[in-house]
């Protein structure tokens, strides 16, 4: 409905501006890349990222194929990150370049919890130096079709996963179903929520690794608002 609406993002590479149409193309490319890598129903794919347009692409690309998006708080201590990845049995881990030293340290300290992770994807155009076997995000997407046959998914299908901060013990996983994400989006769009329209600009201050940035990436898209990350 709003192919020309803008998405603005600041990354380590500088400012990025593109529109909903380009976002749709790149999200479809991500879905095709994940399909080609063999991911789908029941797989958990993790992010270890700040707020930016690539992280936003995983918000629709991962749940859209029937997999579960697991957003990890990168500010947690290493032992909690190890516990979380092991408990979730993540298959892929998308990581920001600035968080590579943190993640490398956690893996080096105890590689066993990361045994299920068969692919690390660094969020960027090119690969920095790293001890991990990794691929750059844009290379992961490159060559894949910008059209995707999105499947019909059951409303009870797990779509998201976020762990608690572990203030009273080890972090505990909280799952979101497809229906829960939809219902939350519709609740935000009610007059009693924070209804977002196509003439508004939305910048979530809440981290995208924390409770889906209050659902704003979903609700802003539902309303056709401009995104700023």
Protein backbone atom coordinates (compact mmCIF):
# COMPACT_ATOMS: atom_id res chain seq x y z
CA UNK A 1 0.00 0.00 0.00
CA UNK A 2 2.89 2.39 0.73
CA UNK A 3 5.80 1.41 -1.54
CA UNK A 4 7.34 4.89 -1.43
CA UNK A 5 7.28 5.33 2.36
CA UNK A 6 10.80 5.68 3.71
CA UNK A 7 12.84 3.55 6.12
CA UNK A 8 15.86 5.35 7.57
CA UNK A 9 18.65 3.57 9.40
CA UNK A 10 22.05 4.45 10.84
CA UNK A 11 24.64 1.68 10.86
CA UNK A 12 28.41 1.39 11.17
CA UNK A 13 28.45 1.91 7.39
CA UNK A 14 26.62 5.24 7.60
CA UNK A 15 23.07 6.39 6.89
CA UNK A 16 20.83 4.10 4.85
CA UNK A 17 17.57 5.27 3.25
CA UNK A 18 15.27 3.08 1.24
CA UNK A 19 11.53 2.59 0.78
CA UNK A 20 8.93 -0.04 1.63
CA UNK A 21 9.20 -1.50 -1.87
CA UNK A 22 12.93 -2.12 -1.44
CA UNK A 23 12.30 -3.44 2.06
CA UNK A 24 9.79 -5.93 0.63
CA UNK A 25 12.32 -7.05 -2.00
CA UNK A 26 15.10 -7.54 0.55
CA UNK A 27 12.82 -9.35 3.00
CA UNK A 28 11.78 -11.73 0.22
CA UNK A 29 15.46 -12.26 -0.61
CA UNK A 30 16.10 -13.11 3.05
CA UNK A 31 13.21 -15.58 3.04
CA UNK A 32 14.54 -17.24 -0.12
CA UNK A 33 18.06 -17.35 1.34
CA UNK A 34 16.74 -19.02 4.50
CA UNK A 35 14.75 -21.50 2.40
CA UNK A 36 17.85 -22.32 0.38
CA UNK A 37 19.80 -22.86 3.62
CA UNK A 38 17.18 -25.39 4.72
CA UNK A 39 15.45 -23.39 7.46
CA UNK A 40 11.72 -23.41 8.09
CA UNK A 41 9.09 -24.60 10.55
CA UNK A 42 10.46 -25.18 14.03
CA UNK A 43 13.87 -23.58 13.44
CA UNK A 44 15.01 -20.80 15.76
CA UNK A 45 17.12 -18.07 14.20
CA UNK A 46 18.75 -15.61 16.58
CA UNK A 47 19.76 -11.96 16.31
CA UNK A 48 22.53 -10.28 18.31
CA UNK A 49 21.97 -6.76 17.04
CA UNK A 50 21.21 -3.09 17.57
CA UNK A 51 18.24 -1.33 15.94
CA UNK A 52 18.70 -1.00 12.17
CA UNK A 53 17.14 -1.85 8.82
CA UNK A 54 18.73 -5.30 8.52
CA UNK A 55 17.43 -6.28 11.95
CA UNK A 56 14.03 -4.97 10.81
CA UNK A 57 14.22 -7.26 7.75
CA UNK A 58 14.56 -10.30 10.01
CA UNK A 59 11.42 -9.21 11.88
CA UNK A 60 9.30 -10.18 8.87
CA UNK A 61 11.63 -12.46 6.94
CA UNK A 62 12.15 -15.04 9.70
CA UNK A 63 8.59 -15.45 11.11
CA UNK A 64 7.20 -15.13 7.58
CA UNK A 65 8.72 -18.48 6.53
CA UNK A 66 7.42 -20.20 9.66
CA UNK A 67 10.65 -20.05 11.65
CA UNK A 68 11.02 -18.37 15.05
CA UNK A 69 12.93 -15.10 15.52
CA UNK A 70 14.97 -15.22 18.73
CA UNK A 71 16.18 -11.74 19.71
CA UNK A 72 19.11 -11.96 22.15
CA UNK A 73 20.03 -9.15 24.52
CA UNK A 74 23.74 -8.61 23.69
CA UNK A 75 24.27 -6.68 26.94
CA UNK A 76 23.81 -9.81 29.07
CA UNK A 77 26.87 -11.50 30.65
CA UNK A 78 28.57 -14.23 28.63
CA UNK A 79 27.26 -17.09 30.76
CA UNK A 80 23.67 -15.95 30.25
CA UNK A 81 24.20 -15.66 26.50
CA UNK A 82 25.64 -19.18 26.48
CA UNK A 83 22.66 -20.49 28.46
CA UNK A 84 20.17 -18.74 26.18
CA UNK A 85 21.66 -20.01 22.90
CA UNK A 86 21.96 -23.54 24.29
CA UNK A 87 18.41 -23.55 25.66
CA UNK A 88 16.94 -22.14 22.44
CA UNK A 89 19.05 -24.43 20.23
CA UNK A 90 19.48 -21.64 17.70
CA UNK A 91 20.39 -22.69 14.15
CA UNK A 92 21.67 -19.35 12.84
CA UNK A 93 22.92 -16.25 14.59
CA UNK A 94 22.79 -12.80 12.96
CA UNK A 95 25.34 -10.54 14.65
CA UNK A 96 26.34 -6.88 14.36
CA UNK A 97 29.99 -6.14 13.63
CA UNK A 98 30.31 -4.13 16.85
CA UNK A 99 29.12 -7.16 18.87
CA UNK A 100 31.55 -9.61 17.26
CA UNK A 101 34.16 -9.32 20.06
CA UNK A 102 31.44 -9.96 22.66
CA UNK A 103 30.12 -13.00 20.81
CA UNK A 104 33.60 -14.33 19.99
CA UNK A 105 34.49 -14.13 23.68
CA UNK A 106 31.37 -16.06 24.70
CA UNK A 107 32.02 -18.76 22.09
CA UNK A 108 35.71 -19.05 22.95
CA UNK A 109 34.96 -19.35 26.68
CA UNK A 110 32.61 -22.30 26.07
CA UNK A 111 31.85 -23.42 22.51
CA UNK A 112 29.51 -26.27 23.55
CA UNK A 113 26.37 -24.09 23.99
CA UNK A 114 26.82 -22.89 20.40
CA UNK A 115 27.01 -26.41 18.92
CA UNK A 116 23.58 -26.06 17.26
CA UNK A 117 24.57 -22.86 15.44
CA UNK A 118 25.59 -23.85 11.93
CA UNK A 119 25.78 -20.35 10.47
CA UNK A 120 26.85 -16.89 11.67
CA UNK A 121 25.72 -13.94 9.54
CA UNK A 122 27.43 -10.58 10.13
CA UNK A 123 25.09 -7.64 9.53
CA UNK A 124 26.85 -5.67 6.82
CA UNK A 125 27.93 -5.44 3.21
CA UNK A 126 31.32 -7.06 3.74
CA UNK A 127 33.02 -9.37 6.21
CA UNK A 128 35.27 -7.99 8.95
CA UNK A 129 37.99 -10.12 10.50
CA UNK A 130 36.51 -12.68 12.86
CA UNK A 131 37.34 -16.01 14.46
CA UNK A 132 33.85 -17.27 13.59
CA UNK A 133 32.90 -19.09 10.38
CA UNK A 134 30.65 -16.36 9.06
CA UNK A 135 29.17 -14.71 5.98
CA UNK A 136 28.19 -11.07 5.39
CA UNK A 137 24.43 -10.44 5.44
CA UNK A 138 24.29 -8.79 2.02
CA UNK A 139 26.28 -11.68 0.54
CA UNK A 140 23.82 -14.10 2.16
CA UNK A 141 20.97 -12.33 0.35
CA UNK A 142 22.79 -11.78 -2.95
CA UNK A 143 21.40 -13.55 -6.00
CA UNK A 144 18.13 -14.58 -4.37
CA UNK A 145 14.74 -13.74 -5.88
CA UNK A 146 12.88 -10.61 -4.75
CA UNK A 147 9.59 -12.52 -4.98
CA UNK A 148 8.57 -15.09 -2.38
CA UNK A 149 5.54 -17.34 -2.01
CA UNK A 150 4.77 -16.60 1.63
CA UNK A 151 3.12 -19.65 3.27
CA UNK A 152 -0.16 -19.72 5.17
CA UNK A 153 0.85 -20.22 8.80
CA UNK A 154 -1.15 -21.52 11.74
CA UNK A 155 -2.00 -18.82 14.29
CA UNK A 156 -0.43 -20.94 17.05
CA UNK A 157 2.87 -21.22 15.17
CA UNK A 158 5.78 -19.88 17.28
CA UNK A 159 6.97 -16.64 15.66
CA UNK A 160 9.16 -14.91 18.25
CA UNK A 161 11.27 -15.67 21.29
CA UNK A 162 12.75 -13.38 23.93
CA UNK A 163 14.44 -14.27 27.22
CA UNK A 164 13.99 -12.48 30.51
CA UNK A 165 16.87 -10.44 31.92
CA UNK A 166 17.66 -13.00 34.60
CA UNK A 167 17.29 -10.65 37.58
CA UNK A 168 16.01 -13.43 39.89
CA UNK A 169 17.79 -16.39 38.28
CA UNK A 170 18.77 -17.66 34.88
CA UNK A 171 16.95 -16.04 31.91
CA UNK A 172 13.72 -17.76 30.91
CA UNK A 173 12.39 -17.97 27.38
CA UNK A 174 9.07 -16.33 26.48
CA UNK A 175 7.53 -17.36 23.16
CA UNK A 176 5.25 -15.31 20.90
CA UNK A 177 2.90 -16.98 18.42
CA UNK A 178 1.83 -15.57 15.07
CA UNK A 179 -1.55 -14.74 16.61
CA UNK A 180 0.05 -12.94 19.58
CA UNK A 181 2.11 -10.67 17.32
CA UNK A 182 -0.97 -9.91 15.20
CA UNK A 183 -3.19 -9.25 18.22
CA UNK A 184 -0.58 -6.98 19.82
CA UNK A 185 -0.22 -5.03 16.57
CA UNK A 186 -3.98 -4.55 16.31
CA UNK A 187 -4.18 -3.50 19.99
CA UNK A 188 -1.53 -0.81 19.45
CA UNK A 189 -3.51 0.48 16.47
CA UNK A 190 -6.64 1.05 18.58
CA UNK A 191 -7.41 4.57 19.93
CA UNK A 192 -6.54 3.31 23.42
CA UNK A 193 -3.07 2.26 22.22
CA UNK A 194 -0.55 4.22 20.13
CA UNK A 195 -2.31 4.26 16.74
CA UNK A 196 0.13 4.92 13.91
CA UNK A 197 -0.83 6.36 10.54
CA UNK A 198 0.78 6.85 7.14
CA UNK A 199 1.68 10.50 7.85
CA UNK A 200 3.72 9.72 10.97
CA UNK A 201 7.41 9.10 11.65
CA UNK A 202 8.29 6.45 14.24
CA UNK A 203 11.66 5.92 15.94
CA UNK A 204 11.57 3.08 18.49
CA UNK A 205 13.87 3.93 21.39
CA UNK A 206 13.25 0.47 22.85
CA UNK A 207 15.90 -2.01 21.65
CA UNK A 208 14.75 -4.44 18.98
CA UNK A 209 16.22 -7.20 21.15
CA UNK A 210 13.74 -6.35 23.94
CA UNK A 211 10.06 -7.45 23.59
CA UNK A 212 10.07 -6.72 19.85
CA UNK A 213 10.79 -3.02 20.44
CA UNK A 214 7.30 -2.81 22.02
CA UNK A 215 5.91 -4.14 18.74
CA UNK A 216 6.55 -0.85 16.97
CA UNK A 217 8.30 -2.37 13.93
CA UNK A 218 5.10 -4.35 13.28
CA UNK A 219 2.54 -1.65 14.13
CA UNK A 220 4.38 1.13 12.26
CA UNK A 221 4.38 -1.08 9.18
CA UNK A 222 0.69 -1.90 9.62
CA UNK A 223 -0.07 1.81 9.65
CA UNK A 224 2.27 2.66 6.76
CA UNK A 225 4.39 5.00 8.91
CA UNK A 226 7.95 6.05 8.19
CA UNK A 227 10.53 4.10 10.21
CA UNK A 228 13.70 5.56 11.75
CA UNK A 229 16.29 3.26 13.37
